[in-house]
Amino acid sequence: MPFYRLATSLALVLISVSTAHADLDIYLNNLNVGAETNLGSFRTRIGAHFAASGTELDIVFRSVDKPAHAELCFWLARHSGQPVEVVMRKYRHRKGQGWGALAKSLGIKPGSSAFKTLKQGNLGWKGPTGRADGGNKGKNKARGRGNGKGRS
């Protein structure tokens, strides 16, 4: 009986983690699709939303794998209280470990509202189309959960 309870609890945790992971992947995938239509507008909107200088935008966009990662790096800088340079250094160092690991390394505590918001993929920023889903509401849901690494 105790083994059954443990197995059930573990299964529930794994289901909730994979659902949160999928939400962030969908958000990032949608932002990337929206950014591909007009990267200049996407970059300008990020700069305005996060009050980033042209130099900061250059550094971040040259360092990230995909445009949505730039948005998320600026979001992490804002919510961790760390300069974007620190976020970028940790982004390069922790590549492949997932956004949750990066957030934790920046001092965002698991269970905090910022951490939950990150995992839910509901970061409160609207992509190039002005929609929070990057302008592709529901299009990526049929494609699955992204690459399975927490970064898309």
C-alpha atoms as a PDB file:
ATOM      1  CA  MET A   1       0.000   0.000   0.000  1.00  0.00           C
ATOM      2  CA  PRO A   2       2.729   2.597   0.824  1.00  0.00           C
ATOM      3  CA  PHE A   3       4.431   1.778  -2.488  1.00  0.00           C
ATOM      4  CA  TYR A   4       1.165   2.469  -4.352  1.00  0.00           C
ATOM      5  CA  ARG A   5       0.847   5.896  -2.685  1.00  0.00           C
ATOM      6  CA  LEU A   6       4.456   6.736  -3.504  1.00  0.00           C
ATOM      7  CA  ALA A   7       4.042   5.660  -7.132  1.00  0.00           C
ATOM      8  CA  THR A   8       0.817   7.659  -7.467  1.00  0.00           C
ATOM      9  CA  SER A   9       2.407  10.762  -5.957  1.00  0.00           C
ATOM     10  CA  LEU A  10       5.414  10.476  -8.231  1.00  0.00           C
ATOM     11  CA  ALA A  11       3.171  10.088 -11.290  1.00  0.00           C
ATOM     12  CA  LEU A  12       1.197  13.227 -10.369  1.00  0.00           C
ATOM     13  CA  VAL A  13       4.391  15.243  -9.929  1.00  0.00           C
ATOM     14  CA  LEU A  14       5.739  14.093 -13.288  1.00  0.00           C
ATOM     15  CA  ILE A  15       2.467  14.928 -15.044  1.00  0.00           C
ATOM     16  CA  SER A  16       2.357  18.434 -13.559  1.00  0.00           C
ATOM     17  CA  VAL A  17       6.021  19.093 -14.427  1.00  0.00           C
ATOM     18  CA  SER A  18       5.584  17.988 -18.031  1.00  0.00           C
ATOM     19  CA  THR A  19       2.450  20.143 -18.370  1.00  0.00           C
ATOM     20  CA  ALA A  20       4.297  23.217 -17.065  1.00  0.00           C
ATOM     21  CA  HIS A  21       7.195  22.420 -19.369  1.00  0.00           C
ATOM     22  CA  ALA A  22       4.819  22.195 -22.335  1.00  0.00           C
ATOM     23  CA  ASP A  23       3.247  25.560 -21.492  1.00  0.00           C
ATOM     24  CA  LEU A  24       6.614  27.338 -21.594  1.00  0.00           C
ATOM     25  CA  ASP A  25       7.621  25.522 -24.785  1.00  0.00           C
ATOM     26  CA  ILE A  26       4.374  26.544 -26.495  1.00  0.00           C
ATOM     27  CA  TYR A  27       4.856  30.160 -25.405  1.00  0.00           C
ATOM     28  CA  LEU A  28       8.445  30.245 -26.704  1.00  0.00           C
ATOM     29  CA  ASN A  29       7.565  28.467 -29.955  1.00  0.00           C
ATOM     30  CA  ASN A  30       4.777  30.948 -30.620  1.00  0.00           C
ATOM     31  CA  LEU A  31       7.051  33.902 -29.910  1.00  0.00           C
ATOM     32  CA  ASN A  32       9.651  32.501 -32.311  1.00  0.00           C
ATOM     33  CA  VAL A  33       7.096  32.086 -35.090  1.00  0.00           C
ATOM     34  CA  GLY A  34       5.896  35.656 -34.523  1.00  0.00           C
ATOM     35  CA  ALA A  35       9.452  36.996 -34.439  1.00  0.00           C
ATOM     36  CA  GLU A  36      10.301  35.316 -37.742  1.00  0.00           C
ATOM     37  CA  THR A  37       7.676  37.419 -39.505  1.00  0.00           C
ATOM     38  CA  ASN A  38       9.341  40.682 -38.476  1.00  0.00           C
ATOM     39  CA  LEU A  39      12.495  40.386 -36.383  1.00  0.00           C
ATOM     40  CA  GLY A  40      13.102  44.148 -36.396  1.00  0.00           C
ATOM     41  CA  SER A  41       9.710  44.862 -34.877  1.00  0.00           C
ATOM     42  CA  PHE A  42      10.166  42.048 -32.357  1.00  0.00           C
ATOM     43  CA  ARG A  43      13.541  43.454 -31.283  1.00  0.00           C
ATOM     44  CA  THR A  44      12.159  47.004 -31.025  1.00  0.00           C
ATOM     45  CA  ARG A  45       9.231  45.873 -28.898  1.00  0.00           C
ATOM     46  CA  ILE A  46      11.532  43.950 -26.548  1.00  0.00           C
ATOM     47  CA  GLY A  47      13.771  46.997 -26.217  1.00  0.00           C
ATOM     48  CA  ALA A  48      10.808  49.214 -25.386  1.00  0.00           C
ATOM     49  CA  HIS A  49       9.162  46.742 -23.010  1.00  0.00           C
ATOM     50  CA  PHE A  50      12.310  45.995 -21.027  1.00  0.00           C
ATOM     51  CA  ALA A  51      13.912  49.459 -21.409  1.00  0.00           C
ATOM     52  CA  ALA A  52      16.949  47.819 -23.001  1.00  0.00           C
ATOM     53  CA  SER A  53      19.609  49.834 -24.772  1.00  0.00           C
ATOM     54  CA  GLY A  54      20.668  49.085 -28.332  1.00  0.00           C
ATOM     55  CA  THR A  55      23.937  47.663 -26.989  1.00  0.00           C
ATOM     56  CA  GLU A  56      22.099  45.313 -24.612  1.00  0.00           C
ATOM     57  CA  LEU A  57      19.811  44.180 -27.430  1.00  0.00           C
ATOM     58  CA  ASP A  58      22.840  43.530 -29.685  1.00  0.00           C
ATOM     59  CA  ILE A  59      24.601  41.475 -27.009  1.00  0.00           C
ATOM     60  CA  VAL A  60      21.548  39.395 -26.175  1.00  0.00           C
ATOM     61  CA  PHE A  61      20.360  38.747 -29.736  1.00  0.00           C
ATOM     62  CA  ARG A  62      23.849  37.701 -30.822  1.00  0.00           C
ATOM     63  CA  SER A  63      24.174  35.337 -27.850  1.00  0.00           C
ATOM     64  CA  VAL A  64      20.885  33.461 -27.907  1.00  0.00           C
ATOM     65  CA  ASP A  65      19.811  30.534 -30.055  1.00  0.00           C
ATOM     66  CA  LYS A  66      16.364  31.896 -30.925  1.00  0.00           C
ATOM     67  CA  PRO A  67      14.604  35.286 -30.679  1.00  0.00           C
ATOM     68  CA  ALA A  68      12.235  34.090 -27.934  1.00  0.00           C
ATOM     69  CA  HIS A  69      15.271  33.283 -25.778  1.00  0.00           C
ATOM     70  CA  ALA A  70      16.191  36.980 -25.901  1.00  0.00           C
ATOM     71  CA  GLU A  71      12.785  37.921 -24.505  1.00  0.00           C
ATOM     72  CA  LEU A  72      13.107  35.321 -21.775  1.00  0.00           C
ATOM     73  CA  CYS A  73      16.628  36.459 -20.845  1.00  0.00           C
ATOM     74  CA  PHE A  74      15.395  40.043 -20.387  1.00  0.00           C
ATOM     75  CA  TRP A  75      12.451  38.720 -18.361  1.00  0.00           C
ATOM     76  CA  LEU A  76      14.824  36.729 -16.138  1.00  0.00           C
ATOM     77  CA  ALA A  77      17.023  39.798 -15.641  1.00  0.00           C
ATOM     78  CA  ARG A  78      14.018  41.844 -14.546  1.00  0.00           C
ATOM     79  CA  HIS A  79      12.613  39.206 -12.174  1.00  0.00           C
ATOM     80  CA  SER A  80      15.924  38.119 -10.687  1.00  0.00           C
ATOM     81  CA  GLY A  81      17.241  41.653 -10.207  1.00  0.00           C
ATOM     82  CA  GLN A  82      20.440  40.626 -12.032  1.00  0.00           C
ATOM     83  CA  PRO A  83      22.016  42.628 -14.873  1.00  0.00           C
ATOM     84  CA  VAL A  84      21.368  41.161 -18.320  1.00  0.00           C
ATOM     85  CA  GLU A  85      25.120  40.492 -18.654  1.00  0.00           C
ATOM     86  CA  VAL A  86      24.941  38.091 -15.694  1.00  0.00           C
ATOM     87  CA  VAL A  87      21.894  36.374 -17.182  1.00  0.00           C
ATOM     88  CA  MET A  88      23.686  35.952 -20.514  1.00  0.00           C
ATOM     89  CA  ARG A  89      26.800  34.504 -18.872  1.00  0.00           C
ATOM     90  CA  LYS A  90      24.667  31.955 -17.004  1.00  0.00           C
ATOM     91  CA  TYR A  91      22.590  31.282 -20.135  1.00  0.00           C
ATOM     92  CA  ARG A  92      25.737  30.256 -22.025  1.00  0.00           C
ATOM     93  CA  HIS A  93      27.081  28.246 -19.076  1.00  0.00           C
ATOM     94  CA  ARG A  94      23.826  26.401 -18.333  1.00  0.00           C
ATOM     95  CA  LYS A  95      22.707  25.786 -21.913  1.00  0.00           C
ATOM     96  CA  GLY A  96      20.685  22.599 -22.124  1.00  0.00           C
ATOM     97  CA  GLN A  97      19.782  22.464 -18.413  1.00  0.00           C
ATOM     98  CA  GLY A  98      16.444  24.205 -18.927  1.00  0.00           C
ATOM     99  CA  TRP A  99      14.918  27.523 -18.031  1.00  0.00           C
ATOM    100  CA  GLY A 100      13.997  26.439 -14.500  1.00  0.00           C
ATOM    101  CA  ALA A 101      17.642  25.645 -13.710  1.00  0.00           C
ATOM    102  CA  LEU A 102      18.700  28.998 -15.134  1.00  0.00           C
ATOM    103  CA  ALA A 103      16.048  30.809 -13.086  1.00  0.00           C
ATOM    104  CA  LYS A 104      17.182  29.028  -9.901  1.00  0.00           C
ATOM    105  CA  SER A 105      20.816  29.931 -10.595  1.00  0.00           C
ATOM    106  CA  LEU A 106      19.737  33.581 -10.781  1.00  0.00           C
ATOM    107  CA  GLY A 107      18.020  33.423  -7.393  1.00  0.00           C
ATOM    108  CA  ILE A 108      14.420  32.900  -8.502  1.00  0.00           C
ATOM    109  CA  LYS A 109      13.101  30.447  -5.945  1.00  0.00           C
ATOM    110  CA  PRO A 110      11.066  27.405  -6.972  1.00  0.00           C
ATOM    111  CA  GLY A 111       7.524  27.912  -5.740  1.00  0.00           C
ATOM    112  CA  SER A 112       7.760  31.699  -6.002  1.00  0.00           C
ATOM    113  CA  SER A 113       5.217  33.522  -8.143  1.00  0.00           C
ATOM    114  CA  ALA A 114       7.928  34.422 -10.691  1.00  0.00           C
ATOM    115  CA  PHE A 115       9.029  30.784 -10.971  1.00  0.00           C
ATOM    116  CA  LYS A 116       5.443  29.584 -11.384  1.00  0.00           C
ATOM    117  CA  THR A 117       4.822  32.261 -14.012  1.00  0.00           C
ATOM    118  CA  LEU A 118       7.935  31.142 -15.885  1.00  0.00           C
ATOM    119  CA  LYS A 119       6.930  27.480 -15.877  1.00  0.00           C
ATOM    120  CA  GLN A 120       3.380  28.324 -16.981  1.00  0.00           C
ATOM    121  CA  GLY A 121       4.705  30.276 -19.960  1.00  0.00           C
ATOM    122  CA  ASN A 122       2.539  33.246 -19.045  1.00  0.00           C
ATOM    123  CA  LEU A 123       5.197  35.952 -18.878  1.00  0.00           C
ATOM    124  CA  GLY A 124       2.887  38.879 -19.502  1.00  0.00           C
ATOM    125  CA  TRP A 125       4.644  40.127 -22.618  1.00  0.00           C
ATOM    126  CA  LYS A 126       2.964  40.278 -25.964  1.00  0.00           C
ATOM    127  CA  GLY A 127       4.800  39.335 -29.126  1.00  0.00           C
ATOM    128  CA  PRO A 128       4.987  41.242 -32.420  1.00  0.00           C
ATOM    129  CA  THR A 129       1.273  40.822 -33.090  1.00  0.00           C
ATOM    130  CA  GLY A 130       0.300  42.289 -29.724  1.00  0.00           C
ATOM    131  CA  ARG A 131      -1.013  38.937 -28.501  1.00  0.00           C
ATOM    132  CA  ALA A 132       0.459  37.127 -25.512  1.00  0.00           C
ATOM    133  CA  ASP A 133       0.734  33.932 -27.531  1.00  0.00           C
ATOM    134  CA  GLY A 134       3.072  35.538 -30.081  1.00  0.00           C
ATOM    135  CA  GLY A 135       0.309  35.707 -32.660  1.00  0.00           C
ATOM    136  CA  ASN A 136      -0.171  32.001 -33.228  1.00  0.00           C
ATOM    137  CA  LYS A 137      -2.891  31.023 -30.832  1.00  0.00           C
ATOM    138  CA  GLY A 138      -3.141  27.263 -30.691  1.00  0.00           C
ATOM    139  CA  LYS A 139      -1.048  26.537 -33.796  1.00  0.00           C
ATOM    140  CA  ASN A 140       1.759  24.778 -31.918  1.00  0.00           C
ATOM    141  CA  LYS A 141      -0.451  22.724 -29.621  1.00  0.00           C
ATOM    142  CA  ALA A 142      -0.859  20.056 -32.261  1.00  0.00           C
ATOM    143  CA  ARG A 143       2.893  19.857 -32.760  1.00  0.00           C
ATOM    144  CA  GLY A 144       3.599  18.517 -29.294  1.00  0.00           C
ATOM    145  CA  ARG A 145       5.873  19.779 -26.576  1.00  0.00           C
ATOM    146  CA  GLY A 146       8.874  21.139 -28.441  1.00  0.00           C
ATOM    147  CA  ASN A 147      12.327  19.643 -28.073  1.00  0.00           C
ATOM    148  CA  GLY A 148      11.848  18.231 -24.570  1.00  0.00           C
ATOM    149  CA  LYS A 149      14.716  20.232 -23.082  1.00  0.00           C
ATOM    150  CA  GLY A 150      12.780  23.180 -21.661  1.00  0.00           C
ATOM    151  CA  ARG A 151      14.144  25.478 -24.346  1.00  0.00           C
ATOM    152  CA  SER A 152      12.691  25.843 -27.756  1.00  0.00           C
END
